[in-house]
PDB file of N, CA and C in Angstrom:
ATOM      1  N   MET A   1       2.936  39.866  27.963  1.00  0.00           N
ATOM      2  CA  MET A   1       4.217  40.518  27.770  1.00  0.00           C
ATOM      3  C   MET A   1       4.904  39.892  26.556  1.00  0.00           C
ATOM      4  N   ALA A   2       5.354  40.739  25.644  1.00  0.00           N
ATOM      5  CA  ALA A   2       6.081  40.264  24.471  1.00  0.00           C
ATOM      6  C   ALA A   2       7.525  39.976  24.865  1.00  0.00           C
ATOM      7  N   LEU A   3       8.016  38.832  24.435  1.00  0.00           N
ATOM      8  CA  LEU A   3       9.380  38.406  24.754  1.00  0.00           C
ATOM      9  C   LEU A   3      10.201  38.272  23.487  1.00  0.00           C
ATOM     10  N   LYS A   4      11.513  38.451  23.619  1.00  0.00           N
ATOM     11  CA  LYS A   4      12.402  38.179  22.495  1.00  0.00           C
ATOM     12  C   LYS A   4      13.816  37.985  22.991  1.00  0.00           C
ATOM     13  N   GLN A   5      14.649  37.569  22.080  1.00  0.00           N
ATOM     14  CA  GLN A   5      16.059  37.360  22.330  1.00  0.00           C
ATOM     15  C   GLN A   5      16.818  38.205  21.307  1.00  0.00           C
ATOM     16  N   ALA A   6      17.945  38.778  21.725  1.00  0.00           N
ATOM     17  CA  ALA A   6      18.792  39.526  20.797  1.00  0.00           C
ATOM     18  C   ALA A   6      20.122  38.801  20.662  1.00  0.00           C
ATOM     19  N   ILE A   7      20.572  38.679  19.434  1.00  0.00           N
ATOM     20  CA  ILE A   7      21.869  38.094  19.132  1.00  0.00           C
ATOM     21  C   ILE A   7      22.679  39.184  18.447  1.00  0.00           C
ATOM     22  N   ILE A   8      23.853  39.470  18.995  1.00  0.00           N
ATOM     23  CA  ILE A   8      24.717  40.508  18.431  1.00  0.00           C
ATOM     24  C   ILE A   8      25.991  39.837  17.938  1.00  0.00           C
ATOM     25  N   VAL A   9      26.319  40.077  16.664  1.00  0.00           N
ATOM     26  CA  VAL A   9      27.458  39.423  16.019  1.00  0.00           C
ATOM     27  C   VAL A   9      28.463  40.485  15.574  1.00  0.00           C
ATOM     28  N   ARG A  10      29.732  40.165  15.724  1.00  0.00           N
ATOM     29  CA  ARG A  10      30.791  41.072  15.266  1.00  0.00           C
ATOM     30  C   ARG A  10      30.941  40.999  13.750  1.00  0.00           C
ATOM     31  N   ALA A  11      30.699  42.115  13.081  1.00  0.00           N
ATOM     32  CA  ALA A  11      30.828  42.182  11.627  1.00  0.00           C
ATOM     33  C   ALA A  11      32.279  42.429  11.205  1.00  0.00           C
ATOM     34  N   ASP A  12      33.101  42.937  12.100  1.00  0.00           N
ATOM     35  CA  ASP A  12      34.478  43.274  11.748  1.00  0.00           C
ATOM     36  C   ASP A  12      35.370  42.053  11.536  1.00  0.00           C
ATOM     37  N   LEU A  13      34.924  40.899  11.973  1.00  0.00           N
ATOM     38  CA  LEU A  13      35.747  39.697  11.843  1.00  0.00           C
ATOM     39  C   LEU A  13      35.715  39.086  10.448  1.00  0.00           C
ATOM     40  N   LYS A  14      34.782  39.538   9.631  1.00  0.00           N
ATOM     41  CA  LYS A  14      34.662  39.029   8.248  1.00  0.00           C
ATOM     42  C   LYS A  14      34.494  37.509   8.214  1.00  0.00           C
ATOM     43  N   MET A  15      33.682  37.001   9.140  1.00  0.00           N
ATOM     44  CA  MET A  15      33.398  35.561   9.166  1.00  0.00           C
ATOM     45  C   MET A  15      32.540  35.191   7.969  1.00  0.00           C
ATOM     46  N   GLY A  16      32.679  33.969   7.501  1.00  0.00           N
ATOM     47  CA  GLY A  16      31.813  33.473   6.442  1.00  0.00           C
ATOM     48  C   GLY A  16      30.395  33.291   6.958  1.00  0.00           C
ATOM     49  N   ARG A  17      29.452  33.123   6.044  1.00  0.00           N
ATOM     50  CA  ARG A  17      28.037  32.991   6.444  1.00  0.00           C
ATOM     51  C   ARG A  17      27.802  31.817   7.377  1.00  0.00           C
ATOM     52  N   GLY A  18      28.433  30.696   7.104  1.00  0.00           N
ATOM     53  CA  GLY A  18      28.261  29.530   7.960  1.00  0.00           C
ATOM     54  C   GLY A  18      28.821  29.763   9.357  1.00  0.00           C
ATOM     55  N   LYS A  19      29.958  30.430   9.418  1.00  0.00           N
ATOM     56  CA  LYS A  19      30.583  30.739  10.710  1.00  0.00           C
ATOM     57  C   LYS A  19      29.696  31.699  11.499  1.00  0.00           C
ATOM     58  N   ILE A  20      29.142  32.690  10.837  1.00  0.00           N
ATOM     59  CA  ILE A  20      28.227  33.632  11.495  1.00  0.00           C
ATOM     60  C   ILE A  20      27.010  32.882  12.033  1.00  0.00           C
ATOM     61  N   ALA A  21      26.450  32.008  11.213  1.00  0.00           N
ATOM     62  CA  ALA A  21      25.275  31.237  11.653  1.00  0.00           C
ATOM     63  C   ALA A  21      25.622  30.387  12.868  1.00  0.00           C
ATOM     64  N   SER A  22      26.794  29.795  12.858  1.00  0.00           N
ATOM     65  CA  SER A  22      27.224  28.961  13.977  1.00  0.00           C
ATOM     66  C   SER A  22      27.391  29.786  15.251  1.00  0.00           C
ATOM     67  N   GLN A  23      28.045  30.927  15.162  1.00  0.00           N
ATOM     68  CA  GLN A  23      28.275  31.768  16.333  1.00  0.00           C
ATOM     69  C   GLN A  23      26.961  32.341  16.868  1.00  0.00           C
ATOM     70  N   ALA A  24      26.075  32.737  15.979  1.00  0.00           N
ATOM     71  CA  ALA A  24      24.757  33.230  16.400  1.00  0.00           C
ATOM     72  C   ALA A  24      23.971  32.116  17.079  1.00  0.00           C
ATOM     73  N   SER A  25      24.087  30.904  16.569  1.00  0.00           N
ATOM     74  CA  SER A  25      23.403  29.760  17.181  1.00  0.00           C
ATOM     75  C   SER A  25      23.951  29.476  18.577  1.00  0.00           C
ATOM     76  N   HIS A  26      25.265  29.541  18.719  1.00  0.00           N
ATOM     77  CA  HIS A  26      25.859  29.360  20.047  1.00  0.00           C
ATOM     78  C   HIS A  26      25.272  30.371  21.033  1.00  0.00           C
ATOM     79  N   ALA A  27      25.196  31.631  20.609  1.00  0.00           N
ATOM     80  CA  ALA A  27      24.681  32.693  21.485  1.00  0.00           C
ATOM     81  C   ALA A  27      23.224  32.443  21.846  1.00  0.00           C
ATOM     82  N   SER A  28      22.428  32.040  20.870  1.00  0.00           N
ATOM     83  CA  SER A  28      21.011  31.800  21.118  1.00  0.00           C
ATOM     84  C   SER A  28      20.792  30.636  22.072  1.00  0.00           C
ATOM     85  N   VAL A  29      21.434  29.514  21.796  1.00  0.00           N
ATOM     86  CA  VAL A  29      21.252  28.318  22.617  1.00  0.00           C
ATOM     87  C   VAL A  29      21.783  28.546  24.030  1.00  0.00           C
ATOM     88  N   SER A  30      22.936  29.189  24.135  1.00  0.00           N
ATOM     89  CA  SER A  30      23.540  29.403  25.441  1.00  0.00           C
ATOM     90  C   SER A  30      22.652  30.258  26.350  1.00  0.00           C
ATOM     91  N   THR A  31      22.154  31.368  25.826  1.00  0.00           N
ATOM     92  CA  THR A  31      21.323  32.231  26.670  1.00  0.00           C
ATOM     93  C   THR A  31      19.941  31.626  26.889  1.00  0.00           C
ATOM     94  N   ALA A  32      19.428  30.887  25.919  1.00  0.00           N
ATOM     95  CA  ALA A  32      18.142  30.210  26.124  1.00  0.00           C
ATOM     96  C   ALA A  32      18.264  29.189  27.252  1.00  0.00           C
ATOM     97  N   TYR A  33      19.369  28.459  27.271  1.00  0.00           N
ATOM     98  CA  TYR A  33      19.588  27.478  28.333  1.00  0.00           C
ATOM     99  C   TYR A  33      19.706  28.156  29.697  1.00  0.00           C
ATOM    100  N   LYS A  34      20.441  29.256  29.756  1.00  0.00           N
ATOM    101  CA  LYS A  34      20.545  30.015  31.002  1.00  0.00           C
ATOM    102  C   LYS A  34      19.167  30.497  31.451  1.00  0.00           C
ATOM    103  N   SER A  35      18.364  30.939  30.504  1.00  0.00           N
ATOM    104  CA  SER A  35      17.009  31.414  30.810  1.00  0.00           C
ATOM    105  C   SER A  35      16.163  30.283  31.381  1.00  0.00           C
ATOM    106  N   TRP A  36      16.232  29.137  30.743  1.00  0.00           N
ATOM    107  CA  TRP A  36      15.459  27.973  31.199  1.00  0.00           C
ATOM    108  C   TRP A  36      15.843  27.595  32.626  1.00  0.00           C
ATOM    109  N   LYS A  37      17.152  27.615  32.928  1.00  0.00           N
ATOM    110  CA  LYS A  37      17.605  27.266  34.276  1.00  0.00           C
ATOM    111  C   LYS A  37      17.153  28.298  35.310  1.00  0.00           C
ATOM    112  N   LYS A  38      17.122  29.564  34.935  1.00  0.00           N
ATOM    113  CA  LYS A  38      16.771  30.633  35.879  1.00  0.00           C
ATOM    114  C   LYS A  38      15.262  30.788  36.037  1.00  0.00           C
ATOM    115  N   ASN A  39      14.522  30.685  34.928  1.00  0.00           N
ATOM    116  CA  ASN A  39      13.085  30.962  34.954  1.00  0.00           C
ATOM    117  C   ASN A  39      12.404  30.153  33.847  1.00  0.00           C
ATOM    118  N   ALA A  40      12.100  28.898  34.144  1.00  0.00           N
ATOM    119  CA  ALA A  40      11.518  27.995  33.142  1.00  0.00           C
ATOM    120  C   ALA A  40      10.185  28.528  32.611  1.00  0.00           C
ATOM    121  N   GLU A  41       9.435  29.209  33.446  1.00  0.00           N
ATOM    122  CA  GLU A  41       8.142  29.744  33.005  1.00  0.00           C
ATOM    123  C   GLU A  41       8.338  30.791  31.904  1.00  0.00           C
ATOM    124  N   LEU A  42       9.265  31.724  32.107  1.00  0.00           N
ATOM    125  CA  LEU A  42       9.547  32.738  31.090  1.00  0.00           C
ATOM    126  C   LEU A  42      10.072  32.069  29.823  1.00  0.00           C
ATOM    127  N   PHE A  43      10.994  31.121  29.972  1.00  0.00           N
ATOM    128  CA  PHE A  43      11.531  30.404  28.816  1.00  0.00           C
ATOM    129  C   PHE A  43      10.414  29.736  28.022  1.00  0.00           C
ATOM    130  N   ASN A  44       9.508  29.038  28.715  1.00  0.00           N
ATOM    131  CA  ASN A  44       8.425  28.337  28.024  1.00  0.00           C
ATOM    132  C   ASN A  44       7.475  29.306  27.336  1.00  0.00           C
ATOM    133  N   GLU A  45       7.237  30.455  27.945  1.00  0.00           N
ATOM    134  CA  GLU A  45       6.387  31.465  27.297  1.00  0.00           C
ATOM    135  C   GLU A  45       7.043  31.933  26.002  1.00  0.00           C
ATOM    136  N   TRP A  46       8.348  32.213  26.060  1.00  0.00           N
ATOM    137  CA  TRP A  46       9.090  32.630  24.869  1.00  0.00           C
ATOM    138  C   TRP A  46       9.049  31.534  23.798  1.00  0.00           C
ATOM    139  N   LYS A  47       9.257  30.302  24.218  1.00  0.00           N
ATOM    140  CA  LYS A  47       9.226  29.162  23.291  1.00  0.00           C
ATOM    141  C   LYS A  47       7.862  29.046  22.633  1.00  0.00           C
ATOM    142  N   ASN A  48       6.807  29.191  23.440  1.00  0.00           N
ATOM    143  CA  ASN A  48       5.447  29.076  22.901  1.00  0.00           C
ATOM    144  C   ASN A  48       5.073  30.235  21.993  1.00  0.00           C
ATOM    145  N   GLU A  49       5.762  31.364  22.124  1.00  0.00           N
ATOM    146  CA  GLU A  49       5.541  32.512  21.235  1.00  0.00           C
ATOM    147  C   GLU A  49       6.276  32.350  19.905  1.00  0.00           C
ATOM    148  N   GLY A  50       7.025  31.263  19.749  1.00  0.00           N
ATOM    149  CA  GLY A  50       7.772  31.019  18.514  1.00  0.00           C
ATOM    150  C   GLY A  50       9.242  31.392  18.612  1.00  0.00           C
ATOM    151  N   MET A  51       9.730  31.619  19.822  1.00  0.00           N
ATOM    152  CA  MET A  51      11.128  31.963  20.089  1.00  0.00           C
ATOM    153  C   MET A  51      11.595  33.181  19.282  1.00  0.00           C
ATOM    154  N   PRO A  52      10.868  34.313  19.358  1.00  0.00           N
ATOM    155  CA  PRO A  52      11.279  35.495  18.595  1.00  0.00           C
ATOM    156  C   PRO A  52      12.688  35.944  18.956  1.00  0.00           C
ATOM    157  N   LYS A  53      13.419  36.327  17.921  1.00  0.00           N
ATOM    158  CA  LYS A  53      14.774  36.828  18.129  1.00  0.00           C
ATOM    159  C   LYS A  53      15.117  37.807  17.023  1.00  0.00           C
ATOM    160  N   ILE A  54      16.134  38.601  17.299  1.00  0.00           N
ATOM    161  CA  ILE A  54      16.640  39.563  16.329  1.00  0.00           C
ATOM    162  C   ILE A  54      18.146  39.398  16.282  1.00  0.00           C
ATOM    163  N   VAL A  55      18.731  39.479  15.097  1.00  0.00           N
ATOM    164  CA  VAL A  55      20.177  39.331  14.943  1.00  0.00           C
ATOM    165  C   VAL A  55      20.726  40.668  14.438  1.00  0.00           C
ATOM    166  N   LEU A  56      21.654  41.209  15.220  1.00  0.00           N
ATOM    167  CA  LEU A  56      22.189  42.543  14.996  1.00  0.00           C
ATOM    168  C   LEU A  56      23.702  42.489  14.837  1.00  0.00           C
ATOM    169  N   LYS A  57      24.292  43.616  14.427  1.00  0.00           N
ATOM    170  CA  LYS A  57      25.738  43.617  14.223  1.00  0.00           C
ATOM    171  C   LYS A  57      26.406  44.786  14.935  1.00  0.00           C
ATOM    172  N   VAL A  58      27.647  44.540  15.331  1.00  0.00           N
ATOM    173  CA  VAL A  58      28.538  45.567  15.858  1.00  0.00           C
ATOM    174  C   VAL A  58      29.878  45.414  15.145  1.00  0.00           C
ATOM    175  N   ASN A  59      30.786  46.364  15.388  1.00  0.00           N
ATOM    176  CA  ASN A  59      32.045  46.359  14.647  1.00  0.00           C
ATOM    177  C   ASN A  59      33.290  46.144  15.477  1.00  0.00           C
ATOM    178  N   SER A  60      33.130  45.686  16.728  1.00  0.00           N
ATOM    179  CA  SER A  60      34.336  45.458  17.522  1.00  0.00           C
ATOM    180  C   SER A  60      34.045  44.610  18.754  1.00  0.00           C
ATOM    181  N   GLU A  61      35.116  44.057  19.306  1.00  0.00           N
ATOM    182  CA  GLU A  61      35.017  43.346  20.577  1.00  0.00           C
ATOM    183  C   GLU A  61      34.579  44.309  21.674  1.00  0.00           C
ATOM    184  N   LYS A  62      35.090  45.525  21.623  1.00  0.00           N
ATOM    185  CA  LYS A  62      34.730  46.548  22.608  1.00  0.00           C
ATOM    186  C   LYS A  62      33.211  46.769  22.622  1.00  0.00           C
ATOM    187  N   ASP A  63      32.602  46.790  21.443  1.00  0.00           N
ATOM    188  CA  ASP A  63      31.140  46.958  21.358  1.00  0.00           C
ATOM    189  C   ASP A  63      30.410  45.785  22.003  1.00  0.00           C
ATOM    190  N   ILE A  64      30.859  44.572  21.727  1.00  0.00           N
ATOM    191  CA  ILE A  64      30.229  43.388  22.331  1.00  0.00           C
ATOM    192  C   ILE A  64      30.276  43.504  23.853  1.00  0.00           C
ATOM    193  N   LEU A  65      31.439  43.847  24.375  1.00  0.00           N
ATOM    194  CA  LEU A  65      31.598  43.944  25.821  1.00  0.00           C
ATOM    195  C   LEU A  65      30.756  45.076  26.407  1.00  0.00           C
ATOM    196  N   LYS A  66      30.609  46.160  25.674  1.00  0.00           N
ATOM    197  CA  LYS A  66      29.764  47.279  26.120  1.00  0.00           C
ATOM    198  C   LYS A  66      28.305  46.827  26.245  1.00  0.00           C
ATOM    199  N   PHE A  67      27.813  46.099  25.261  1.00  0.00           N
ATOM    200  CA  PHE A  67      26.423  45.627  25.306  1.00  0.00           C
ATOM    201  C   PHE A  67      26.234  44.531  26.352  1.00  0.00           C
ATOM    202  N   ALA A  68      27.255  43.713  26.561  1.00  0.00           N
ATOM    203  CA  ALA A  68      27.182  42.708  27.630  1.00  0.00           C
ATOM    204  C   ALA A  68      27.076  43.406  28.986  1.00  0.00           C
ATOM    205  N   ASN A  69      27.853  44.450  29.167  1.00  0.00           N
ATOM    206  CA  ASN A  69      27.814  45.215  30.414  1.00  0.00           C
ATOM    207  C   ASN A  69      26.432  45.845  30.622  1.00  0.00           C
ATOM    208  N   GLU A  70      25.868  46.401  29.569  1.00  0.00           N
ATOM    209  CA  GLU A  70      24.530  47.000  29.658  1.00  0.00           C
ATOM    210  C   GLU A  70      23.473  45.943  29.995  1.00  0.00           C
ATOM    211  N   ALA A  71      23.600  44.777  29.391  1.00  0.00           N
ATOM    212  CA  ALA A  71      22.652  43.690  29.686  1.00  0.00           C
ATOM    213  C   ALA A  71      22.737  43.320  31.164  1.00  0.00           C
ATOM    214  N   GLY A  72      23.946  43.201  31.673  1.00  0.00           N
ATOM    215  CA  GLY A  72      24.129  42.874  33.082  1.00  0.00           C
ATOM    216  C   GLY A  72      23.551  43.933  34.000  1.00  0.00           C
ATOM    217  N   LYS A  73      23.779  45.202  33.674  1.00  0.00           N
ATOM    218  CA  LYS A  73      23.246  46.310  34.481  1.00  0.00           C
ATOM    219  C   LYS A  73      21.722  46.297  34.522  1.00  0.00           C
ATOM    220  N   ASN A  74      21.112  45.766  33.454  1.00  0.00           N
ATOM    221  CA  ASN A  74      19.657  45.736  33.353  1.00  0.00           C
ATOM    222  C   ASN A  74      19.069  44.384  33.750  1.00  0.00           C
ATOM    223  N   ASN A  75      19.865  43.574  34.438  1.00  0.00           N
ATOM    224  CA  ASN A  75      19.422  42.267  34.940  1.00  0.00           C
ATOM    225  C   ASN A  75      18.886  41.340  33.856  1.00  0.00           C
ATOM    226  N   LEU A  76      19.510  41.403  32.692  1.00  0.00           N
ATOM    227  CA  LEU A  76      19.149  40.515  31.596  1.00  0.00           C
ATOM    228  C   LEU A  76      20.149  39.363  31.539  1.00  0.00           C
ATOM    229  N   ILE A  77      19.665  38.205  31.174  1.00  0.00           N
ATOM    230  CA  ILE A  77      20.550  37.060  30.943  1.00  0.00           C
ATOM    231  C   ILE A  77      21.340  37.337  29.674  1.00  0.00           C
ATOM    232  N   PHE A  78      22.641  37.045  29.715  1.00  0.00           N
ATOM    233  CA  PHE A  78      23.465  37.242  28.529  1.00  0.00           C
ATOM    234  C   PHE A  78      24.628  36.262  28.557  1.00  0.00           C
ATOM    235  N   ASP A  79      25.243  36.088  27.401  1.00  0.00           N
ATOM    236  CA  ASP A  79      26.443  35.266  27.324  1.00  0.00           C
ATOM    237  C   ASP A  79      27.321  35.770  26.188  1.00  0.00           C
ATOM    238  N   VAL A  80      28.585  35.980  26.496  1.00  0.00           N
ATOM    239  CA  VAL A  80      29.578  36.371  25.506  1.00  0.00           C
ATOM    240  C   VAL A  80      30.161  35.085  24.909  1.00  0.00           C
ATOM    241  N   ILE A  81      30.139  34.990  23.599  1.00  0.00           N
ATOM    242  CA  ILE A  81      30.592  33.780  22.908  1.00  0.00           C
ATOM    243  C   ILE A  81      32.030  33.964  22.426  1.00  0.00           C
ATOM    244  N   ARG A  82      32.870  32.992  22.782  1.00  0.00           N
ATOM    245  CA  ARG A  82      34.265  32.967  22.338  1.00  0.00           C
ATOM    246  C   ARG A  82      34.462  31.742  21.452  1.00  0.00           C
ATOM    247  N   ASP A  83      35.110  31.949  20.335  1.00  0.00           N
ATOM    248  CA  ASP A  83      35.311  30.858  19.387  1.00  0.00           C
ATOM    249  C   ASP A  83      36.430  29.927  19.835  1.00  0.00           C
ATOM    250  N   ALA A  84      36.277  28.661  19.508  1.00  0.00           N
ATOM    251  CA  ALA A  84      37.288  27.652  19.853  1.00  0.00           C
ATOM    252  C   ALA A  84      38.534  27.763  18.976  1.00  0.00           C
ATOM    253  N   GLY A  85      38.417  28.440  17.837  1.00  0.00           N
ATOM    254  CA  GLY A  85      39.585  28.655  16.982  1.00  0.00           C
ATOM    255  C   GLY A  85      39.926  27.506  16.061  1.00  0.00           C
ATOM    256  N   ARG A  86      38.957  26.681  15.737  1.00  0.00           N
ATOM    257  CA  ARG A  86      39.240  25.514  14.888  1.00  0.00           C
ATOM    258  C   ARG A  86      39.211  25.837  13.396  1.00  0.00           C
ATOM    259  N   THR A  87      38.611  26.964  13.028  1.00  0.00           N
ATOM    260  CA  THR A  87      38.483  27.236  11.587  1.00  0.00           C
ATOM    261  C   THR A  87      38.979  28.630  11.215  1.00  0.00           C
ATOM    262  N   GLN A  88      38.109  29.613  11.145  1.00  0.00           N
ATOM    263  CA  GLN A  88      38.420  30.891  10.506  1.00  0.00           C
ATOM    264  C   GLN A  88      39.101  31.932  11.386  1.00  0.00           C
ATOM    265  N   ILE A  89      38.979  31.808  12.688  1.00  0.00           N
ATOM    266  CA  ILE A  89      39.501  32.858  13.560  1.00  0.00           C
ATOM    267  C   ILE A  89      40.291  32.257  14.732  1.00  0.00           C
ATOM    268  N   PRO A  90      41.146  33.060  15.348  1.00  0.00           N
ATOM    269  CA  PRO A  90      41.984  32.546  16.443  1.00  0.00           C
ATOM    270  C   PRO A  90      41.165  32.116  17.667  1.00  0.00           C
ATOM    271  N   PRO A  91      41.706  31.175  18.452  1.00  0.00           N
ATOM    272  CA  PRO A  91      41.018  30.731  19.670  1.00  0.00           C
ATOM    273  C   PRO A  91      40.741  31.889  20.620  1.00  0.00           C
ATOM    274  N   ASN A  92      39.616  31.792  21.309  1.00  0.00           N
ATOM    275  CA  ASN A  92      39.168  32.755  22.316  1.00  0.00           C
ATOM    276  C   ASN A  92      38.743  34.110  21.758  1.00  0.00           C
ATOM    277  N   THR A  93      38.613  34.226  20.451  1.00  0.00           N
ATOM    278  CA  THR A  93      38.111  35.468  19.870  1.00  0.00           C
ATOM    279  C   THR A  93      36.637  35.618  20.233  1.00  0.00           C
ATOM    280  N   ILE A  94      36.268  36.781  20.747  1.00  0.00           N
ATOM    281  CA  ILE A  94      34.861  37.062  21.050  1.00  0.00           C
ATOM    282  C   ILE A  94      34.146  37.320  19.733  1.00  0.00           C
ATOM    283  N   THR A  95      33.122  36.535  19.457  1.00  0.00           N
ATOM    284  CA  THR A  95      32.429  36.611  18.171  1.00  0.00           C
ATOM    285  C   THR A  95      30.999  37.116  18.262  1.00  0.00           C
ATOM    286  N   ALA A  96      30.321  36.862  19.381  1.00  0.00           N
ATOM    287  CA  ALA A  96      28.891  37.163  19.455  1.00  0.00           C
ATOM    288  C   ALA A  96      28.466  37.334  20.911  1.00  0.00           C
ATOM    289  N   LEU A  97      27.258  37.843  21.053  1.00  0.00           N
ATOM    290  CA  LEU A  97      26.646  38.042  22.359  1.00  0.00           C
ATOM    291  C   LEU A  97      25.180  37.670  22.248  1.00  0.00           C
ATOM    292  N   GLY A  98      24.714  36.888  23.179  1.00  0.00           N
ATOM    293  CA  GLY A  98      23.283  36.587  23.272  1.00  0.00           C
ATOM    294  C   GLY A  98      22.698  37.321  24.459  1.00  0.00           C
ATOM    295  N   ILE A  99      21.515  37.900  24.287  1.00  0.00           N
ATOM    296  CA  ILE A  99      20.805  38.575  25.378  1.00  0.00           C
ATOM    297  C   ILE A  99      19.381  38.044  25.400  1.00  0.00           C
ATOM    298  N   GLY A 100      18.940  37.595  26.574  1.00  0.00           N
ATOM    299  CA  GLY A 100      17.574  37.116  26.724  1.00  0.00           C
ATOM    300  C   GLY A 100      17.442  35.646  26.376  1.00  0.00           C
ATOM    301  N   PRO A 101      16.224  35.186  26.294  1.00  0.00           N
ATOM    302  CA  PRO A 101      14.977  35.912  26.115  1.00  0.00           C
ATOM    303  C   PRO A 101      14.519  36.639  27.377  1.00  0.00           C
ATOM    304  N   ASP A 102      13.840  37.754  27.122  1.00  0.00           N
ATOM    305  CA  ASP A 102      13.259  38.545  28.197  1.00  0.00           C
ATOM    306  C   ASP A 102      12.262  39.513  27.573  1.00  0.00           C
ATOM    307  N   ASN A 103      11.754  40.400  28.414  1.00  0.00           N
ATOM    308  CA  ASN A 103      10.796  41.408  27.976  1.00  0.00           C
ATOM    309  C   ASN A 103      11.382  42.195  26.796  1.00  0.00           C
ATOM    310  N   GLU A 104      10.620  42.269  25.725  1.00  0.00           N
ATOM    311  CA  GLU A 104      11.059  42.941  24.504  1.00  0.00           C
ATOM    312  C   GLU A 104      11.480  44.391  24.764  1.00  0.00           C
ATOM    313  N   GLU A 105      10.743  45.095  25.602  1.00  0.00           N
ATOM    314  CA  GLU A 105      11.060  46.499  25.885  1.00  0.00           C
ATOM    315  C   GLU A 105      12.402  46.638  26.604  1.00  0.00           C
ATOM    316  N   LYS A 106      12.698  45.721  27.529  1.00  0.00           N
ATOM    317  CA  LYS A 106      13.975  45.769  28.243  1.00  0.00           C
ATOM    318  C   LYS A 106      15.147  45.538  27.283  1.00  0.00           C
ATOM    319  N   ILE A 107      14.979  44.619  26.365  1.00  0.00           N
ATOM    320  CA  ILE A 107      16.039  44.331  25.395  1.00  0.00           C
ATOM    321  C   ILE A 107      16.173  45.479  24.406  1.00  0.00           C
ATOM    322  N   ASP A 108      15.040  45.984  23.899  1.00  0.00           N
ATOM    323  CA  ASP A 108      15.085  47.083  22.933  1.00  0.00           C
ATOM    324  C   ASP A 108      15.747  48.328  23.515  1.00  0.00           C
ATOM    325  N   LYS A 109      15.576  48.556  24.794  1.00  0.00           N
ATOM    326  CA  LYS A 109      16.201  49.698  25.460  1.00  0.00           C
ATOM    327  C   LYS A 109      17.715  49.686  25.252  1.00  0.00           C
ATOM    328  N   ILE A 110      18.283  48.501  25.204  1.00  0.00           N
ATOM    329  CA  ILE A 110      19.738  48.359  25.060  1.00  0.00           C
ATOM    330  C   ILE A 110      20.186  48.341  23.594  1.00  0.00           C
ATOM    331  N   VAL A 111      19.446  47.635  22.734  1.00  0.00           N
ATOM    332  CA  VAL A 111      19.920  47.374  21.372  1.00  0.00           C
ATOM    333  C   VAL A 111      19.247  48.225  20.298  1.00  0.00           C
ATOM    334  N   LYS A 112      18.402  49.158  20.684  1.00  0.00           N
ATOM    335  CA  LYS A 112      17.573  49.888  19.713  1.00  0.00           C
ATOM    336  C   LYS A 112      18.340  50.596  18.604  1.00  0.00           C
ATOM    337  N   ASN A 113      19.588  50.969  18.846  1.00  0.00           N
ATOM    338  CA  ASN A 113      20.335  51.724  17.820  1.00  0.00           C
ATOM    339  C   ASN A 113      21.208  50.849  16.924  1.00  0.00           C
ATOM    340  N   LEU A 114      21.174  49.543  17.156  1.00  0.00           N
ATOM    341  CA  LEU A 114      21.981  48.640  16.317  1.00  0.00           C
ATOM    342  C   LEU A 114      21.264  48.310  15.011  1.00  0.00           C
ATOM    343  N   LYS A 115      22.054  47.999  14.014  1.00  0.00           N
ATOM    344  CA  LYS A 115      21.508  47.623  12.698  1.00  0.00           C
ATOM    345  C   LYS A 115      21.421  46.107  12.585  1.00  0.00           C
ATOM    346  N   LEU A 116      20.467  45.657  11.781  1.00  0.00           N
ATOM    347  CA  LEU A 116      20.319  44.226  11.499  1.00  0.00           C
ATOM    348  C   LEU A 116      21.559  43.702  10.796  1.00  0.00           C
ATOM    349  N   LEU A 117      21.899  42.459  11.071  1.00  0.00           N
ATOM    350  CA  LEU A 117      23.038  41.815  10.435  1.00  0.00           C
ATOM    351  C   LEU A 117      22.750  41.609   8.966  1.00  0.00           C
TER     352      LEU A 117
END
């Protein structure tokens, strides 16, 4: 079974490249950790496959929450990332969403229409 992780970042916030990388990293690490705690075997398989992931973009907080809801409905591990507000954006701003790692087909079913960041 092919596995992957999806990272969805809000493009409407106009974050700098470093901030985007940081928020995407938070989403990846957070959901990977949740995956490891829930199913270490699946996590290790994903890790051994090279930790495949895709980074996508949306244009609003509403979009992030919509995809988080879809991930939950499909029994996928996910985490909504909120910024601490120390630099470019206000505290508690939703910046990104991590989904998976999990079966590539299950993730693609949800994110297939999104564009790459």
